[in-house]
Amino acid sequence: LFVDIGGGSTEFFIRNDTEINIKSFQLGGVRNMLNKDKKKEWERMREWLQSIAPRKKIIGIGGNIRSLLQILGSKDVKAETLNKNIVALSNLSVAEKVATHGFSPDRADVIDHALEILRVISQELNVELITSTKWGITDSIAVRLFHEIYANKANLTKDKISFPGKIA
């Protein structure tokens, strides 16, 4: 399961042998910070998370998760460590986050709110470990999709990309 927590939305990418299923929720770090997130959307995301199998590990993509792992100096983080760091970061001002952790000001003001979304995801799925990758899922999908569409092998719909063979 890949998770991308952006400013306005959170996307999930679930891969099996021949498909990548995509689910999006209008819950993002900036939206959460500005209180523009809706209780109904939080409930919708929680219900969906409860409908899929628990995951011991998730792969976070995007700047918010990479930023957290960067300040921890690690390629992954245990869920319990995530919760401690959310509390610690939320106690710092934006200026302190910039000075102490090297966040850019536009990341420093939103990181707590994005990580709160990650905390809920981890809790609902009983996640033990969160890891990240340098490549974003959209980068990987775009390259693969370009090649598959060019060869007339991929089928693209709003919430799914299907490939004829196993996904490498």
N, C-alpha and C. Protein backbone atom coordinates (compact mmCIF):
# COMPACT_ATOMS: atom_id res chain seq x y z
N LEU A 1 0.86 -1.18 0.00
CA LEU A 1 0.00 0.00 0.00
C LEU A 1 0.89 1.23 0.00
N PHE A 2 0.71 2.08 -0.98
CA PHE A 2 1.42 3.34 -1.07
C PHE A 2 0.45 4.45 -0.64
N VAL A 3 0.96 5.42 0.12
CA VAL A 3 0.14 6.52 0.61
C VAL A 3 0.83 7.83 0.26
N ASP A 4 0.08 8.75 -0.34
CA ASP A 4 0.59 10.08 -0.68
C ASP A 4 -0.30 11.12 -0.02
N ILE A 5 0.23 11.77 1.01
CA ILE A 5 -0.52 12.81 1.72
C ILE A 5 -0.05 14.15 1.18
N GLY A 6 -0.90 14.76 0.38
CA GLY A 6 -0.57 16.05 -0.20
C GLY A 6 -1.19 17.18 0.60
N GLY A 7 -1.24 18.34 -0.01
CA GLY A 7 -1.81 19.51 0.66
C GLY A 7 -3.32 19.47 0.71
N GLY A 8 -3.95 18.98 -0.36
CA GLY A 8 -5.40 19.00 -0.42
C GLY A 8 -6.06 17.64 -0.39
N SER A 9 -5.28 16.60 -0.62
CA SER A 9 -5.88 15.27 -0.66
C SER A 9 -4.87 14.20 -0.26
N THR A 10 -5.41 13.02 0.00
CA THR A 10 -4.59 11.86 0.32
C THR A 10 -4.98 10.76 -0.65
N GLU A 11 -3.96 10.19 -1.29
CA GLU A 11 -4.19 9.12 -2.25
C GLU A 11 -3.58 7.82 -1.75
N PHE A 12 -4.29 6.74 -2.06
CA PHE A 12 -3.82 5.39 -1.74
C PHE A 12 -3.68 4.64 -3.05
N PHE A 13 -2.62 3.88 -3.15
CA PHE A 13 -2.36 3.05 -4.32
C PHE A 13 -2.14 1.63 -3.81
N ILE A 14 -3.02 0.72 -4.20
CA ILE A 14 -2.90 -0.68 -3.79
C ILE A 14 -2.58 -1.49 -5.03
N ARG A 15 -1.48 -2.20 -4.96
CA ARG A 15 -1.01 -2.96 -6.11
C ARG A 15 -1.22 -4.45 -5.89
N ASN A 16 -1.75 -5.11 -6.91
CA ASN A 16 -1.75 -6.57 -6.92
C ASN A 16 -1.02 -7.01 -8.18
N ASP A 17 -1.17 -8.24 -8.59
CA ASP A 17 -0.39 -8.74 -9.73
C ASP A 17 -0.63 -8.00 -11.03
N THR A 18 -1.87 -7.59 -11.30
CA THR A 18 -2.16 -7.01 -12.61
C THR A 18 -2.80 -5.62 -12.56
N GLU A 19 -3.03 -5.09 -11.38
CA GLU A 19 -3.71 -3.79 -11.27
C GLU A 19 -3.08 -2.92 -10.19
N ILE A 20 -3.29 -1.64 -10.38
CA ILE A 20 -3.03 -0.67 -9.32
C ILE A 20 -4.35 0.03 -9.07
N ASN A 21 -4.94 -0.17 -7.91
CA ASN A 21 -6.20 0.48 -7.56
C ASN A 21 -5.88 1.77 -6.82
N ILE A 22 -6.62 2.81 -7.15
CA ILE A 22 -6.35 4.14 -6.61
C ILE A 22 -7.58 4.63 -5.86
N LYS A 23 -7.36 5.16 -4.67
CA LYS A 23 -8.45 5.73 -3.87
C LYS A 23 -7.98 7.09 -3.38
N SER A 24 -8.84 8.09 -3.48
CA SER A 24 -8.48 9.45 -3.09
C SER A 24 -9.51 10.02 -2.12
N PHE A 25 -9.02 10.77 -1.16
CA PHE A 25 -9.88 11.44 -0.18
C PHE A 25 -9.47 12.90 -0.10
N GLN A 26 -10.45 13.76 0.06
CA GLN A 26 -10.20 15.19 0.14
C GLN A 26 -9.74 15.57 1.55
N LEU A 27 -8.64 14.96 1.96
CA LEU A 27 -8.01 15.22 3.25
C LEU A 27 -6.52 15.40 3.00
N GLY A 28 -6.03 16.59 3.18
CA GLY A 28 -4.61 16.87 2.99
C GLY A 28 -4.09 17.75 4.10
N GLY A 29 -2.79 17.92 4.14
CA GLY A 29 -2.16 18.70 5.19
C GLY A 29 -2.66 20.14 5.26
N VAL A 30 -2.71 20.81 4.12
CA VAL A 30 -3.16 22.20 4.10
C VAL A 30 -4.65 22.27 4.41
N ARG A 31 -5.42 21.41 3.79
CA ARG A 31 -6.87 21.38 4.03
C ARG A 31 -7.15 21.15 5.52
N ASN A 32 -6.39 20.25 6.15
CA ASN A 32 -6.54 19.96 7.57
C ASN A 32 -6.14 21.19 8.40
N MET A 33 -5.02 21.82 8.05
CA MET A 33 -4.53 22.99 8.77
C MET A 33 -5.56 24.13 8.74
N LEU A 34 -6.20 24.31 7.61
CA LEU A 34 -7.17 25.40 7.44
C LEU A 34 -8.58 25.02 7.90
N ASN A 35 -8.70 23.84 8.49
CA ASN A 35 -10.00 23.31 8.93
C ASN A 35 -11.01 23.24 7.79
N LYS A 36 -10.51 22.95 6.60
CA LYS A 36 -11.39 22.79 5.44
C LYS A 36 -11.73 21.31 5.22
N ASP A 37 -11.14 20.45 6.05
CA ASP A 37 -11.47 19.03 5.95
C ASP A 37 -12.84 18.81 6.56
N LYS A 38 -13.54 17.87 6.04
CA LYS A 38 -14.91 17.60 6.47
C LYS A 38 -14.95 16.33 7.31
N LYS A 39 -15.74 16.37 8.37
CA LYS A 39 -15.90 15.20 9.24
C LYS A 39 -16.37 14.00 8.42
N LYS A 40 -17.25 14.25 7.47
CA LYS A 40 -17.78 13.18 6.63
C LYS A 40 -16.67 12.51 5.82
N GLU A 41 -15.70 13.32 5.35
CA GLU A 41 -14.60 12.76 4.57
C GLU A 41 -13.67 11.92 5.45
N TRP A 42 -13.44 12.37 6.69
CA TRP A 42 -12.67 11.57 7.65
C TRP A 42 -13.36 10.22 7.88
N GLU A 43 -14.67 10.27 8.06
CA GLU A 43 -15.44 9.03 8.28
C GLU A 43 -15.36 8.12 7.06
N ARG A 44 -15.47 8.72 5.88
CA ARG A 44 -15.39 7.95 4.63
C ARG A 44 -14.03 7.26 4.51
N MET A 45 -12.95 7.99 4.85
CA MET A 45 -11.62 7.39 4.77
C MET A 45 -11.47 6.27 5.80
N ARG A 46 -11.93 6.52 7.02
CA ARG A 46 -11.83 5.48 8.06
C ARG A 46 -12.60 4.22 7.65
N GLU A 47 -13.79 4.40 7.11
CA GLU A 47 -14.58 3.24 6.67
C GLU A 47 -13.86 2.47 5.58
N TRP A 48 -13.28 3.18 4.63
CA TRP A 48 -12.55 2.52 3.56
C TRP A 48 -11.33 1.78 4.12
N LEU A 49 -10.59 2.43 5.01
CA LEU A 49 -9.41 1.78 5.60
C LEU A 49 -9.81 0.51 6.35
N GLN A 50 -10.93 0.56 7.04
CA GLN A 50 -11.39 -0.62 7.77
C GLN A 50 -11.86 -1.73 6.83
N SER A 51 -12.17 -1.38 5.60
CA SER A 51 -12.65 -2.38 4.63
C SER A 51 -11.51 -3.14 3.95
N ILE A 52 -10.30 -2.63 4.05
CA ILE A 52 -9.16 -3.33 3.45
C ILE A 52 -8.40 -4.06 4.55
N ALA A 53 -7.60 -5.02 4.15
CA ALA A 53 -6.86 -5.82 5.13
C ALA A 53 -5.84 -4.96 5.87
N PRO A 54 -5.63 -5.24 7.16
CA PRO A 54 -4.59 -4.52 7.90
C PRO A 54 -3.23 -4.68 7.21
N ARG A 55 -2.38 -3.72 7.41
CA ARG A 55 -1.05 -3.74 6.78
C ARG A 55 0.01 -3.55 7.85
N LYS A 56 1.01 -4.40 7.83
CA LYS A 56 2.12 -4.22 8.79
C LYS A 56 3.00 -3.06 8.35
N LYS A 57 3.05 -2.83 7.04
CA LYS A 57 3.94 -1.81 6.49
C LYS A 57 3.21 -1.02 5.42
N ILE A 58 3.44 0.29 5.41
CA ILE A 58 2.96 1.12 4.31
C ILE A 58 4.14 1.91 3.77
N ILE A 59 4.04 2.28 2.51
CA ILE A 59 5.09 3.07 1.88
C ILE A 59 4.54 4.46 1.63
N GLY A 60 5.12 5.42 2.30
CA GLY A 60 4.70 6.80 2.15
C GLY A 60 5.46 7.47 1.03
N ILE A 61 4.74 8.21 0.22
CA ILE A 61 5.39 8.95 -0.85
C ILE A 61 4.98 10.41 -0.71
N GLY A 62 5.78 11.28 -1.22
CA GLY A 62 5.49 12.69 -1.11
C GLY A 62 6.35 13.35 -0.04
N GLY A 63 6.36 14.66 -0.08
CA GLY A 63 7.25 15.45 0.76
C GLY A 63 7.00 15.39 2.25
N ASN A 64 5.75 15.25 2.67
CA ASN A 64 5.48 15.24 4.11
C ASN A 64 6.11 14.04 4.80
N ILE A 65 5.94 12.88 4.23
CA ILE A 65 6.48 11.67 4.85
C ILE A 65 8.00 11.64 4.71
N ARG A 66 8.51 12.03 3.55
CA ARG A 66 9.97 12.09 3.38
C ARG A 66 10.59 13.09 4.34
N SER A 67 9.92 14.20 4.60
CA SER A 67 10.44 15.20 5.54
C SER A 67 10.55 14.63 6.95
N LEU A 68 9.54 13.90 7.37
CA LEU A 68 9.58 13.28 8.70
C LEU A 68 10.76 12.32 8.79
N LEU A 69 10.90 11.45 7.81
CA LEU A 69 11.98 10.47 7.85
C LEU A 69 13.35 11.14 7.77
N GLN A 70 13.42 12.24 7.06
CA GLN A 70 14.68 12.97 6.96
C GLN A 70 15.11 13.52 8.32
N ILE A 71 14.18 14.10 9.07
CA ILE A 71 14.58 14.64 10.38
C ILE A 71 14.89 13.53 11.37
N LEU A 72 14.33 12.35 11.16
CA LEU A 72 14.64 11.21 12.02
C LEU A 72 15.94 10.53 11.59
N GLY A 73 16.43 10.89 10.40
CA GLY A 73 17.65 10.28 9.89
C GLY A 73 17.48 8.81 9.61
N SER A 74 16.30 8.44 9.14
CA SER A 74 15.99 7.03 8.93
C SER A 74 15.23 6.84 7.63
N LYS A 75 15.27 5.62 7.12
CA LYS A 75 14.49 5.31 5.91
C LYS A 75 13.10 4.80 6.27
N ASP A 76 12.88 4.51 7.55
CA ASP A 76 11.56 4.08 7.99
C ASP A 76 11.35 4.47 9.45
N VAL A 77 10.10 4.35 9.90
CA VAL A 77 9.75 4.73 11.27
C VAL A 77 8.68 3.77 11.78
N LYS A 78 8.83 3.37 13.02
CA LYS A 78 7.80 2.54 13.65
C LYS A 78 6.61 3.44 13.97
N ALA A 79 5.42 2.87 13.95
CA ALA A 79 4.20 3.64 14.19
C ALA A 79 4.23 4.32 15.55
N GLU A 80 4.73 3.65 16.58
CA GLU A 80 4.77 4.27 17.91
C GLU A 80 5.71 5.47 17.94
N THR A 81 6.81 5.40 17.18
CA THR A 81 7.74 6.53 17.08
C THR A 81 7.07 7.69 16.34
N LEU A 82 6.28 7.36 15.34
CA LEU A 82 5.54 8.39 14.60
C LEU A 82 4.69 9.21 15.56
N ASN A 83 3.94 8.55 16.42
CA ASN A 83 3.06 9.25 17.35
C ASN A 83 3.84 10.18 18.27
N LYS A 84 4.98 9.74 18.77
CA LYS A 84 5.81 10.59 19.64
C LYS A 84 6.32 11.81 18.89
N ASN A 85 6.70 11.61 17.64
CA ASN A 85 7.22 12.72 16.85
C ASN A 85 6.15 13.72 16.45
N ILE A 86 4.93 13.24 16.25
CA ILE A 86 3.83 14.16 15.96
C ILE A 86 3.63 15.10 17.14
N VAL A 87 3.63 14.54 18.33
CA VAL A 87 3.46 15.36 19.54
C VAL A 87 4.62 16.34 19.68
N ALA A 88 5.85 15.86 19.50
CA ALA A 88 7.02 16.72 19.64
C ALA A 88 7.00 17.86 18.61
N LEU A 89 6.68 17.54 17.37
CA LEU A 89 6.63 18.58 16.33
C LEU A 89 5.51 19.57 16.58
N SER A 90 4.38 19.10 17.06
CA SER A 90 3.25 20.01 17.28
C SER A 90 3.52 21.00 18.40
N ASN A 91 4.49 20.70 19.25
CA ASN A 91 4.86 21.63 20.33
C ASN A 91 5.84 22.70 19.88
N LEU A 92 6.32 22.62 18.65
CA LEU A 92 7.27 23.61 18.12
C LEU A 92 6.53 24.63 17.26
N SER A 93 7.01 25.86 17.30
CA SER A 93 6.47 26.89 16.40
C SER A 93 7.01 26.65 15.00
N VAL A 94 6.45 27.34 14.02
CA VAL A 94 6.94 27.23 12.65
C VAL A 94 8.41 27.63 12.60
N ALA A 95 8.76 28.73 13.27
CA ALA A 95 10.15 29.20 13.28
C ALA A 95 11.08 28.16 13.90
N GLU A 96 10.63 27.50 14.96
CA GLU A 96 11.45 26.46 15.59
C GLU A 96 11.62 25.24 14.67
N LYS A 97 10.58 24.90 13.95
CA LYS A 97 10.68 23.77 13.02
C LYS A 97 11.67 24.07 11.90
N VAL A 98 11.66 25.31 11.43
CA VAL A 98 12.59 25.73 10.39
C VAL A 98 14.02 25.70 10.94
N ALA A 99 14.22 26.30 12.11
CA ALA A 99 15.56 26.39 12.70
C ALA A 99 16.10 25.04 13.16
N THR A 100 15.26 24.26 13.81
CA THR A 100 15.70 22.99 14.41
C THR A 100 15.82 21.87 13.39
N HIS A 101 14.85 21.78 12.49
CA HIS A 101 14.78 20.63 11.60
C HIS A 101 15.04 20.96 10.13
N GLY A 102 15.22 22.23 9.82
CA GLY A 102 15.52 22.60 8.45
C GLY A 102 14.35 22.54 7.49
N PHE A 103 13.13 22.52 8.03
CA PHE A 103 11.96 22.55 7.16
C PHE A 103 11.89 23.88 6.44
N SER A 104 11.37 23.87 5.24
CA SER A 104 11.04 25.14 4.59
C SER A 104 9.81 25.69 5.31
N PRO A 105 9.63 27.01 5.33
CA PRO A 105 8.48 27.57 6.05
C PRO A 105 7.13 27.01 5.58
N ASP A 106 7.00 26.75 4.28
CA ASP A 106 5.72 26.22 3.79
C ASP A 106 5.52 24.75 4.15
N ARG A 107 6.57 24.03 4.50
CA ARG A 107 6.43 22.66 5.00
C ARG A 107 6.23 22.68 6.51
N ALA A 108 6.93 23.59 7.19
CA ALA A 108 6.89 23.65 8.66
C ALA A 108 5.49 23.93 9.19
N ASP A 109 4.70 24.72 8.47
CA ASP A 109 3.37 25.05 8.98
C ASP A 109 2.34 23.96 8.74
N VAL A 110 2.64 23.02 7.86
CA VAL A 110 1.64 22.01 7.49
C VAL A 110 2.00 20.60 7.96
N ILE A 111 3.26 20.37 8.34
CA ILE A 111 3.72 19.01 8.62
C ILE A 111 2.91 18.32 9.71
N ASP A 112 2.57 19.03 10.80
CA ASP A 112 1.79 18.41 11.88
C ASP A 112 0.46 17.88 11.36
N HIS A 113 -0.17 18.67 10.52
CA HIS A 113 -1.50 18.33 10.01
C HIS A 113 -1.45 17.15 9.04
N ALA A 114 -0.39 17.09 8.25
CA ALA A 114 -0.22 15.96 7.34
C ALA A 114 0.09 14.69 8.12
N LEU A 115 0.93 14.81 9.14
CA LEU A 115 1.30 13.64 9.94
C LEU A 115 0.12 13.13 10.77
N GLU A 116 -0.80 14.00 11.10
CA GLU A 116 -2.01 13.55 11.81
C GLU A 116 -2.82 12.62 10.91
N ILE A 117 -2.87 12.93 9.63
CA ILE A 117 -3.55 12.04 8.68
C ILE A 117 -2.83 10.70 8.64
N LEU A 118 -1.51 10.74 8.59
CA LEU A 118 -0.72 9.50 8.58
C LEU A 118 -0.94 8.70 9.86
N ARG A 119 -1.06 9.38 10.98
CA ARG A 119 -1.31 8.70 12.26
C ARG A 119 -2.63 7.94 12.21
N VAL A 120 -3.67 8.57 11.70
CA VAL A 120 -4.99 7.93 11.60
C VAL A 120 -4.91 6.71 10.67
N ILE A 121 -4.24 6.87 9.54
CA ILE A 121 -4.09 5.75 8.61
C ILE A 121 -3.38 4.59 9.30
N SER A 122 -2.29 4.89 9.98
CA SER A 122 -1.51 3.85 10.67
C SER A 122 -2.34 3.15 11.73
N GLN A 123 -3.12 3.93 12.46
CA GLN A 123 -3.96 3.37 13.52
C GLN A 123 -5.04 2.46 12.94
N GLU A 124 -5.73 2.93 11.91
CA GLU A 124 -6.83 2.15 11.33
C GLU A 124 -6.35 0.85 10.69
N LEU A 125 -5.13 0.84 10.16
CA LEU A 125 -4.61 -0.35 9.48
C LEU A 125 -3.69 -1.20 10.36
N ASN A 126 -3.54 -0.80 11.62
CA ASN A 126 -2.62 -1.51 12.53
C ASN A 126 -1.20 -1.60 11.96
N VAL A 127 -0.75 -0.51 11.37
CA VAL A 127 0.57 -0.45 10.75
C VAL A 127 1.65 -0.49 11.83
N GLU A 128 2.70 -1.24 11.55
CA GLU A 128 3.84 -1.29 12.46
C GLU A 128 4.99 -0.44 11.95
N LEU A 129 5.14 -0.36 10.62
CA LEU A 129 6.29 0.32 10.04
C LEU A 129 5.87 1.17 8.85
N ILE A 130 6.43 2.38 8.79
CA ILE A 130 6.18 3.30 7.68
C ILE A 130 7.53 3.55 7.03
N THR A 131 7.57 3.38 5.73
CA THR A 131 8.81 3.62 5.01
C THR A 131 8.52 4.57 3.85
N SER A 132 9.55 4.98 3.15
CA SER A 132 9.36 5.91 2.06
C SER A 132 10.27 5.53 0.90
N THR A 133 10.08 6.21 -0.18
CA THR A 133 10.90 6.00 -1.36
C THR A 133 11.24 7.36 -1.95
N LYS A 134 12.36 7.43 -2.63
CA LYS A 134 12.75 8.69 -3.27
C LYS A 134 11.84 9.01 -4.45
N TRP A 135 11.37 7.97 -5.11
CA TRP A 135 10.48 8.14 -6.25
C TRP A 135 9.05 8.23 -5.77
N GLY A 136 8.28 9.09 -6.37
CA GLY A 136 6.86 9.14 -6.10
C GLY A 136 6.14 8.10 -6.94
N ILE A 137 5.00 7.68 -6.47
CA ILE A 137 4.23 6.68 -7.21
C ILE A 137 3.83 7.22 -8.58
N THR A 138 3.52 8.50 -8.64
CA THR A 138 3.11 9.06 -9.93
C THR A 138 4.26 9.04 -10.92
N ASP A 139 5.50 9.23 -10.44
CA ASP A 139 6.66 9.13 -11.33
C ASP A 139 6.74 7.73 -11.92
N SER A 140 6.65 6.74 -11.05
CA SER A 140 6.76 5.35 -11.49
C SER A 140 5.63 4.95 -12.42
N ILE A 141 4.41 5.32 -12.04
CA ILE A 141 3.25 4.98 -12.87
C ILE A 141 3.34 5.68 -14.22
N ALA A 142 3.74 6.94 -14.22
CA ALA A 142 3.81 7.70 -15.46
C ALA A 142 4.78 7.06 -16.45
N VAL A 143 5.94 6.66 -15.97
CA VAL A 143 6.91 6.02 -16.85
C VAL A 143 6.36 4.71 -17.39
N ARG A 144 5.84 3.88 -16.48
CA ARG A 144 5.29 2.58 -16.90
C ARG A 144 4.10 2.77 -17.84
N LEU A 145 3.21 3.69 -17.49
CA LEU A 145 2.01 3.92 -18.28
C LEU A 145 2.36 4.43 -19.68
N PHE A 146 3.32 5.32 -19.75
CA PHE A 146 3.75 5.82 -21.05
C PHE A 146 4.16 4.66 -21.96
N HIS A 147 4.98 3.78 -21.42
CA HIS A 147 5.45 2.65 -22.22
C HIS A 147 4.31 1.69 -22.58
N GLU A 148 3.41 1.44 -21.63
CA GLU A 148 2.31 0.50 -21.88
C GLU A 148 1.27 1.08 -22.85
N ILE A 149 0.93 2.34 -22.67
CA ILE A 149 -0.04 2.96 -23.58
C ILE A 149 0.55 3.04 -24.99
N TYR A 150 1.82 3.40 -25.03
CA TYR A 150 2.48 3.49 -26.33
C TYR A 150 2.43 2.14 -27.04
N ALA A 151 2.52 1.08 -26.29
CA ALA A 151 2.47 -0.27 -26.86
C ALA A 151 1.05 -0.84 -26.85
N ASN A 152 0.04 0.00 -26.52
CA ASN A 152 -1.37 -0.40 -26.46
C ASN A 152 -1.60 -1.58 -25.51
N LYS A 153 -0.94 -1.57 -24.37
CA LYS A 153 -1.06 -2.68 -23.43
C LYS A 153 -1.77 -2.31 -22.13
N ALA A 154 -1.87 -1.05 -21.80
CA ALA A 154 -2.47 -0.66 -20.51
C ALA A 154 -3.89 -0.17 -20.71
N ASN A 155 -4.71 -0.36 -19.69
CA ASN A 155 -6.08 0.12 -19.68
C ASN A 155 -6.21 1.09 -18.50
N LEU A 156 -6.54 2.34 -18.80
CA LEU A 156 -6.58 3.38 -17.78
C LEU A 156 -8.01 3.85 -17.57
N THR A 157 -8.48 3.80 -16.31
CA THR A 157 -9.77 4.36 -15.93
C THR A 157 -9.54 5.33 -14.78
N LYS A 158 -10.61 5.94 -14.29
CA LYS A 158 -10.50 6.95 -13.23
C LYS A 158 -9.83 6.42 -11.97
N ASP A 159 -10.13 5.20 -11.58
CA ASP A 159 -9.62 4.70 -10.31
C ASP A 159 -8.81 3.41 -10.43
N LYS A 160 -8.38 3.08 -11.65
CA LYS A 160 -7.63 1.84 -11.80
C LYS A 160 -6.77 1.89 -13.06
N ILE A 161 -5.60 1.30 -12.96
CA ILE A 161 -4.75 1.08 -14.12
C ILE A 161 -4.53 -0.43 -14.20
N SER A 162 -4.90 -1.03 -15.33
CA SER A 162 -4.75 -2.47 -15.50
C SER A 162 -3.65 -2.75 -16.52
N PHE A 163 -2.84 -3.75 -16.20
CA PHE A 163 -1.77 -4.17 -17.09
C PHE A 163 -1.99 -5.62 -17.47
N PRO A 164 -1.54 -6.03 -18.66
CA PRO A 164 -1.79 -7.40 -19.10
C PRO A 164 -1.01 -8.46 -18.33
N GLY A 165 0.15 -8.13 -17.84
CA GLY A 165 0.98 -9.11 -17.11
C GLY A 165 1.22 -8.64 -15.69
N LYS A 166 2.06 -9.38 -14.99
CA LYS A 166 2.40 -9.00 -13.62
C LYS A 166 3.14 -7.68 -13.61
N ILE A 167 2.89 -6.89 -12.58
CA ILE A 167 3.56 -5.61 -12.42
C ILE A 167 4.90 -5.88 -11.74
N ALA A 168 5.94 -5.40 -12.35
CA ALA A 168 7.29 -5.63 -11.78
C ALA A 168 7.52 -4.78 -10.56
